[in-house]
Amino acid sequence: MTARNALVLAGSGMLSVVVQELALDGWRVVSPSRRYVPLPATDDAADGAARPPRWSRGLRKDRVGAGKAIWVEAHWDRPRELAHKAEKALTAPAELLVVWVHESYRRSVLGAVEPLLTATAPFVEVRSLADLAVVPDDPEPVLFGHPTQQVLLGSVSELAAPRPLGHDEIGRGVLYAVERALEGRPSSLHQLGERRPVHGH
């Protein structure tokens, strides 16, 4: 069976759990970023650190290890070069796009990689609440025709305030959005954590 192609754009290592889980489920995952960060071990970490739970529908045992994760060096401020390198690494148009890039590069990067997608590829976008003046009621349709699961990240954990939002919480939240995207769910918005409260002087 030919592997399905996914494109995951995020800071080095920021969405490595998503890349790992997709690859374990048989996807060919192309992951452009500035520098290479090895994926976590597929077994439980030796130090006992908890991994985000595997998503409910994916990771069929007969396909474990069937996929592949491919890193390509790329920079957000060179979107056309990024798209060119990603296209060379893909074997077919991407059937899934997951993006977490700085707001200042958001539109230029998305515009550059959109031609690399299938016509109906779902889109999962991770953004920071700190970068948004107002939380939108619905995901902003940056890529028209592509169902969007938007994940908004707060600064403070909802589970253990005032602790900062943890990497495991982010990984679980984004994987949930990816699962919804692959199930063909309609566009929706998911908020993880809360804004850090502003204290008066």
C-alpha atoms as a PDB file:
ATOM      1  CA  MET A   1       0.000   0.000   0.000  1.00  0.00           C
ATOM      2  CA  THR A   2       1.323   3.443  -0.952  1.00  0.00           C
ATOM      3  CA  ALA A   3       1.855   5.679   2.061  1.00  0.00           C
ATOM      4  CA  ARG A   4      -0.350   8.725   2.376  1.00  0.00           C
ATOM      5  CA  ASN A   5       1.538  12.030   2.415  1.00  0.00           C
ATOM      6  CA  ALA A   6       1.285  14.606   5.203  1.00  0.00           C
ATOM      7  CA  LEU A   7       2.989  17.969   5.568  1.00  0.00           C
ATOM      8  CA  VAL A   8       3.742  19.152   9.117  1.00  0.00           C
ATOM      9  CA  LEU A   9       5.181  22.653   9.549  1.00  0.00           C
ATOM     10  CA  ALA A  10       6.308  23.638  13.030  1.00  0.00           C
ATOM     11  CA  GLY A  11       9.333  24.849  14.937  1.00  0.00           C
ATOM     12  CA  SER A  12      12.013  22.209  15.361  1.00  0.00           C
ATOM     13  CA  GLY A  13      10.578  19.480  17.571  1.00  0.00           C
ATOM     14  CA  MET A  14       7.434  21.445  18.480  1.00  0.00           C
ATOM     15  CA  LEU A  15       5.039  18.912  16.931  1.00  0.00           C
ATOM     16  CA  SER A  16       7.341  15.891  16.913  1.00  0.00           C
ATOM     17  CA  VAL A  17       4.697  13.735  18.617  1.00  0.00           C
ATOM     18  CA  VAL A  18       2.301  14.432  15.726  1.00  0.00           C
ATOM     19  CA  VAL A  19       4.979  13.540  13.164  1.00  0.00           C
ATOM     20  CA  GLN A  20       5.792  10.376  15.107  1.00  0.00           C
ATOM     21  CA  GLU A  21       2.205   9.191  15.479  1.00  0.00           C
ATOM     22  CA  LEU A  22       1.411   9.788  11.808  1.00  0.00           C
ATOM     23  CA  ALA A  23       4.533   7.916  10.718  1.00  0.00           C
ATOM     24  CA  LEU A  24       3.667   5.011  13.017  1.00  0.00           C
ATOM     25  CA  ASP A  25       0.249   4.914  11.393  1.00  0.00           C
ATOM     26  CA  GLY A  26       1.751   4.503   7.933  1.00  0.00           C
ATOM     27  CA  TRP A  27       1.986   8.099   6.721  1.00  0.00           C
ATOM     28  CA  ARG A  28       4.917   9.605   4.829  1.00  0.00           C
ATOM     29  CA  VAL A  29       5.401  12.816   6.825  1.00  0.00           C
ATOM     30  CA  VAL A  30       7.452  15.683   5.443  1.00  0.00           C
ATOM     31  CA  SER A  31       8.479  18.095   8.177  1.00  0.00           C
ATOM     32  CA  PRO A  32      10.295  21.285   7.130  1.00  0.00           C
ATOM     33  CA  SER A  33      11.968  23.267   9.926  1.00  0.00           C
ATOM     34  CA  ARG A  34      15.136  25.232  10.592  1.00  0.00           C
ATOM     35  CA  ARG A  35      17.029  22.419  12.270  1.00  0.00           C
ATOM     36  CA  TYR A  36      16.706  18.678  12.686  1.00  0.00           C
ATOM     37  CA  VAL A  37      15.432  17.247  15.957  1.00  0.00           C
ATOM     38  CA  PRO A  38      15.309  13.431  16.313  1.00  0.00           C
ATOM     39  CA  LEU A  39      11.884  11.984  16.986  1.00  0.00           C
ATOM     40  CA  PRO A  40      11.206  10.559  20.459  1.00  0.00           C
ATOM     41  CA  ALA A  41      11.795   6.844  20.917  1.00  0.00           C
ATOM     42  CA  THR A  42       8.794   4.772  19.898  1.00  0.00           C
ATOM     43  CA  ASP A  43       8.931   2.756  23.111  1.00  0.00           C
ATOM     44  CA  ASP A  44       8.035   4.243  26.476  1.00  0.00           C
ATOM     45  CA  ALA A  45      10.799   6.613  27.477  1.00  0.00           C
ATOM     46  CA  ALA A  46      13.498   5.110  29.603  1.00  0.00           C
ATOM     47  CA  ASP A  47      13.125   7.822  32.218  1.00  0.00           C
ATOM     48  CA  GLY A  48       9.447   7.046  32.631  1.00  0.00           C
ATOM     49  CA  ALA A  49       8.240  10.240  30.995  1.00  0.00           C
ATOM     50  CA  ALA A  50       4.669   9.956  29.832  1.00  0.00           C
ATOM     51  CA  ARG A  51       3.911  10.069  26.127  1.00  0.00           C
ATOM     52  CA  PRO A  52       0.646  11.524  24.905  1.00  0.00           C
ATOM     53  CA  PRO A  53      -1.834   8.659  24.426  1.00  0.00           C
ATOM     54  CA  ARG A  54      -2.188   7.326  20.937  1.00  0.00           C
ATOM     55  CA  TRP A  55      -5.256   8.516  19.122  1.00  0.00           C
ATOM     56  CA  SER A  56      -8.230   6.221  19.233  1.00  0.00           C
ATOM     57  CA  ARG A  57      -8.664   5.365  15.538  1.00  0.00           C
ATOM     58  CA  GLY A  58      -5.076   5.311  14.355  1.00  0.00           C
ATOM     59  CA  LEU A  59      -1.958   3.248  14.805  1.00  0.00           C
ATOM     60  CA  ARG A  60      -3.236  -0.095  13.668  1.00  0.00           C
ATOM     61  CA  LYS A  61      -0.736  -2.710  14.810  1.00  0.00           C
ATOM     62  CA  ASP A  62      -0.314  -4.144  11.323  1.00  0.00           C
ATOM     63  CA  ARG A  63       1.002  -0.802  10.048  1.00  0.00           C
ATOM     64  CA  VAL A  64       3.359   0.186  12.856  1.00  0.00           C
ATOM     65  CA  GLY A  65       6.601   1.322  11.265  1.00  0.00           C
ATOM     66  CA  ALA A  66       5.135   1.373   7.744  1.00  0.00           C
ATOM     67  CA  GLY A  67       5.411   5.131   7.398  1.00  0.00           C
ATOM     68  CA  LYS A  68       8.336   7.497   7.327  1.00  0.00           C
ATOM     69  CA  ALA A  69       9.268  10.902   8.747  1.00  0.00           C
ATOM     70  CA  ILE A  70      11.396  13.124   6.509  1.00  0.00           C
ATOM     71  CA  TRP A  71      12.991  16.356   7.696  1.00  0.00           C
ATOM     72  CA  VAL A  72      13.964  19.077   5.249  1.00  0.00           C
ATOM     73  CA  GLU A  73      15.820  22.239   6.220  1.00  0.00           C
ATOM     74  CA  ALA A  74      13.627  25.268   5.665  1.00  0.00           C
ATOM     75  CA  HIS A  75      13.005  28.785   6.965  1.00  0.00           C
ATOM     76  CA  TRP A  76       9.663  30.569   7.377  1.00  0.00           C
ATOM     77  CA  ASP A  77      11.064  33.761   5.832  1.00  0.00           C
ATOM     78  CA  ARG A  78      11.787  31.869   2.591  1.00  0.00           C
ATOM     79  CA  PRO A  79       8.349  30.406   1.836  1.00  0.00           C
ATOM     80  CA  ARG A  80       8.892  29.614  -1.837  1.00  0.00           C
ATOM     81  CA  GLU A  81      12.145  27.797  -1.071  1.00  0.00           C
ATOM     82  CA  LEU A  82      10.373  25.934   1.751  1.00  0.00           C
ATOM     83  CA  ALA A  83       7.584  24.834  -0.586  1.00  0.00           C
ATOM     84  CA  HIS A  84      10.088  23.717  -3.236  1.00  0.00           C
ATOM     85  CA  LYS A  85      11.995  21.538  -0.761  1.00  0.00           C
ATOM     86  CA  ALA A  86       8.776  20.079   0.651  1.00  0.00           C
ATOM     87  CA  GLU A  87       7.485  19.252  -2.834  1.00  0.00           C
ATOM     88  CA  LYS A  88      10.690  17.350  -3.646  1.00  0.00           C
ATOM     89  CA  ALA A  89      10.304  15.266  -0.467  1.00  0.00           C
ATOM     90  CA  LEU A  90       6.632  14.429  -1.042  1.00  0.00           C
ATOM     91  CA  THR A  91       5.769  11.499  -3.287  1.00  0.00           C
ATOM     92  CA  ALA A  92       2.265  12.826  -4.019  1.00  0.00           C
ATOM     93  CA  PRO A  93       0.095  15.787  -3.048  1.00  0.00           C
ATOM     94  CA  ALA A  94      -0.298  15.962   0.727  1.00  0.00           C
ATOM     95  CA  GLU A  95      -3.588  14.658   2.122  1.00  0.00           C
ATOM     96  CA  LEU A  96      -3.112  16.448   5.446  1.00  0.00           C
ATOM     97  CA  LEU A  97      -1.532  19.752   6.484  1.00  0.00           C
ATOM     98  CA  VAL A  98      -0.595  20.583  10.082  1.00  0.00           C
ATOM     99  CA  VAL A  99       0.877  24.038  10.713  1.00  0.00           C
ATOM    100  CA  TRP A 100       2.294  25.913  13.712  1.00  0.00           C
ATOM    101  CA  VAL A 101       4.258  28.926  12.508  1.00  0.00           C
ATOM    102  CA  HIS A 102       4.757  32.456  13.803  1.00  0.00           C
ATOM    103  CA  GLU A 103       1.926  34.858  12.946  1.00  0.00           C
ATOM    104  CA  SER A 104       4.197  37.125  10.920  1.00  0.00           C
ATOM    105  CA  TYR A 105       4.893  34.289   8.436  1.00  0.00           C
ATOM    106  CA  ARG A 106       1.492  32.612   8.581  1.00  0.00           C
ATOM    107  CA  ARG A 107      -0.102  33.820   5.354  1.00  0.00           C
ATOM    108  CA  SER A 108       3.031  33.715   3.185  1.00  0.00           C
ATOM    109  CA  VAL A 109       3.899  30.158   4.266  1.00  0.00           C
ATOM    110  CA  LEU A 110       0.334  28.883   3.874  1.00  0.00           C
ATOM    111  CA  GLY A 111       0.059  30.490   0.443  1.00  0.00           C
ATOM    112  CA  ALA A 112       3.300  28.849  -0.653  1.00  0.00           C
ATOM    113  CA  VAL A 113       2.387  25.308   0.463  1.00  0.00           C
ATOM    114  CA  GLU A 114      -1.284  25.265  -0.558  1.00  0.00           C
ATOM    115  CA  PRO A 115      -0.463  24.049  -4.111  1.00  0.00           C
ATOM    116  CA  LEU A 116       1.190  20.971  -2.541  1.00  0.00           C
ATOM    117  CA  LEU A 117      -2.142  19.741  -1.115  1.00  0.00           C
ATOM    118  CA  THR A 118      -4.909  17.625  -2.569  1.00  0.00           C
ATOM    119  CA  ALA A 119      -8.049  19.619  -3.330  1.00  0.00           C
ATOM    120  CA  THR A 120      -9.812  18.486  -0.157  1.00  0.00           C
ATOM    121  CA  ALA A 121      -6.896  17.927   2.257  1.00  0.00           C
ATOM    122  CA  PRO A 122      -7.898  18.880   5.815  1.00  0.00           C
ATOM    123  CA  PHE A 123      -5.895  21.555   7.580  1.00  0.00           C
ATOM    124  CA  VAL A 124      -4.949  21.656  11.281  1.00  0.00           C
ATOM    125  CA  GLU A 125      -3.592  25.028  12.397  1.00  0.00           C
ATOM    126  CA  VAL A 126      -2.055  25.778  15.792  1.00  0.00           C
ATOM    127  CA  ARG A 127      -2.006  29.412  16.939  1.00  0.00           C
ATOM    128  CA  SER A 128      -1.290  31.264  20.163  1.00  0.00           C
ATOM    129  CA  LEU A 129      -4.005  33.165  22.013  1.00  0.00           C
ATOM    130  CA  ALA A 130      -1.356  35.727  22.913  1.00  0.00           C
ATOM    131  CA  ASP A 131      -1.101  36.676  19.239  1.00  0.00           C
ATOM    132  CA  LEU A 132      -4.844  37.233  18.814  1.00  0.00           C
ATOM    133  CA  ALA A 133      -6.630  40.356  20.024  1.00  0.00           C
ATOM    134  CA  VAL A 134     -10.001  38.601  19.794  1.00  0.00           C
ATOM    135  CA  VAL A 135     -10.734  34.868  19.802  1.00  0.00           C
ATOM    136  CA  PRO A 136     -12.707  34.102  16.616  1.00  0.00           C
ATOM    137  CA  ASP A 137     -16.014  32.253  16.779  1.00  0.00           C
ATOM    138  CA  ASP A 138     -15.025  30.100  13.815  1.00  0.00           C
ATOM    139  CA  PRO A 139     -11.706  29.174  12.193  1.00  0.00           C
ATOM    140  CA  GLU A 140     -10.585  31.818   9.741  1.00  0.00           C
ATOM    141  CA  PRO A 141     -10.725  30.258   6.248  1.00  0.00           C
ATOM    142  CA  VAL A 142      -7.155  31.001   5.183  1.00  0.00           C
ATOM    143  CA  LEU A 143      -7.179  27.966   2.868  1.00  0.00           C
ATOM    144  CA  PHE A 144     -10.574  27.946   1.194  1.00  0.00           C
ATOM    145  CA  GLY A 145     -11.970  24.499   0.445  1.00  0.00           C
ATOM    146  CA  HIS A 146      -9.848  22.828   3.123  1.00  0.00           C
ATOM    147  CA  PRO A 147     -11.754  21.885   6.310  1.00  0.00           C
ATOM    148  CA  THR A 148      -9.900  23.567   9.179  1.00  0.00           C
ATOM    149  CA  GLN A 149      -9.367  22.368  12.729  1.00  0.00           C
ATOM    150  CA  GLN A 150      -7.894  25.343  14.547  1.00  0.00           C
ATOM    151  CA  VAL A 151      -6.125  24.834  17.900  1.00  0.00           C
ATOM    152  CA  LEU A 152      -5.676  27.953  20.029  1.00  0.00           C
ATOM    153  CA  LEU A 153      -3.002  27.756  22.719  1.00  0.00           C
ATOM    154  CA  GLY A 154      -3.234  29.677  25.967  1.00  0.00           C
ATOM    155  CA  SER A 155      -0.321  30.393  28.283  1.00  0.00           C
ATOM    156  CA  VAL A 156      -1.718  28.743  31.410  1.00  0.00           C
ATOM    157  CA  SER A 157      -2.812  25.121  31.821  1.00  0.00           C
ATOM    158  CA  GLU A 158      -6.500  24.474  32.471  1.00  0.00           C
ATOM    159  CA  LEU A 159      -5.523  21.327  34.367  1.00  0.00           C
ATOM    160  CA  ALA A 160      -3.097  22.812  36.867  1.00  0.00           C
ATOM    161  CA  ALA A 161      -3.244  26.614  36.915  1.00  0.00           C
ATOM    162  CA  PRO A 162      -1.097  28.662  37.186  1.00  0.00           C
ATOM    163  CA  ARG A 163       1.318  26.169  35.607  1.00  0.00           C
ATOM    164  CA  PRO A 164       2.261  27.006  32.004  1.00  0.00           C
ATOM    165  CA  LEU A 165       0.563  24.962  29.292  1.00  0.00           C
ATOM    166  CA  GLY A 166       2.652  21.807  28.964  1.00  0.00           C
ATOM    167  CA  HIS A 167       4.079  20.153  25.872  1.00  0.00           C
ATOM    168  CA  ASP A 168       2.139  16.923  26.568  1.00  0.00           C
ATOM    169  CA  GLU A 169      -1.129  18.870  26.781  1.00  0.00           C
ATOM    170  CA  ILE A 170      -0.363  20.560  23.476  1.00  0.00           C
ATOM    171  CA  GLY A 171       0.516  17.217  21.862  1.00  0.00           C
ATOM    172  CA  ARG A 172      -2.733  15.603  23.008  1.00  0.00           C
ATOM    173  CA  GLY A 173      -4.783  18.569  21.868  1.00  0.00           C
ATOM    174  CA  VAL A 174      -3.243  18.729  18.409  1.00  0.00           C
ATOM    175  CA  LEU A 175      -3.552  14.953  17.951  1.00  0.00           C
ATOM    176  CA  TYR A 176      -7.250  15.229  18.813  1.00  0.00           C
ATOM    177  CA  ALA A 177      -7.642  17.914  16.147  1.00  0.00           C
ATOM    178  CA  VAL A 178      -5.745  15.751  13.635  1.00  0.00           C
ATOM    179  CA  GLU A 179      -8.043  12.837  14.395  1.00  0.00           C
ATOM    180  CA  ARG A 180     -11.105  15.016  13.787  1.00  0.00           C
ATOM    181  CA  ALA A 181      -9.573  16.247  10.541  1.00  0.00           C
ATOM    182  CA  LEU A 182      -8.929  12.715   9.268  1.00  0.00           C
ATOM    183  CA  GLU A 183     -12.462  11.663  10.220  1.00  0.00           C
ATOM    184  CA  GLY A 184     -13.764  14.331   7.854  1.00  0.00           C
ATOM    185  CA  ARG A 185     -15.322  16.467  10.584  1.00  0.00           C
ATOM    186  CA  PRO A 186     -16.413  20.009   9.702  1.00  0.00           C
ATOM    187  CA  SER A 187     -14.235  22.995  10.532  1.00  0.00           C
ATOM    188  CA  SER A 188     -14.067  23.737  14.243  1.00  0.00           C
ATOM    189  CA  LEU A 189     -12.060  25.543  16.888  1.00  0.00           C
ATOM    190  CA  HIS A 190     -10.389  24.020  19.957  1.00  0.00           C
ATOM    191  CA  GLN A 191      -8.870  26.041  22.797  1.00  0.00           C
ATOM    192  CA  LEU A 192      -6.164  24.595  25.040  1.00  0.00           C
ATOM    193  CA  GLY A 193      -5.356  26.451  28.239  1.00  0.00           C
ATOM    194  CA  GLU A 194      -6.158  30.034  29.162  1.00  0.00           C
ATOM    195  CA  ARG A 195      -4.615  33.425  28.654  1.00  0.00           C
ATOM    196  CA  ARG A 196      -2.221  34.378  31.431  1.00  0.00           C
ATOM    197  CA  PRO A 197      -4.135  36.803  33.700  1.00  0.00           C
ATOM    198  CA  VAL A 198      -2.951  40.391  33.750  1.00  0.00           C
ATOM    199  CA  HIS A 199      -2.508  41.655  37.311  1.00  0.00           C
ATOM    200  CA  GLY A 200      -2.938  45.301  38.162  1.00  0.00           C
ATOM    201  CA  HIS A 201      -0.196  47.231  39.859  1.00  0.00           C
END
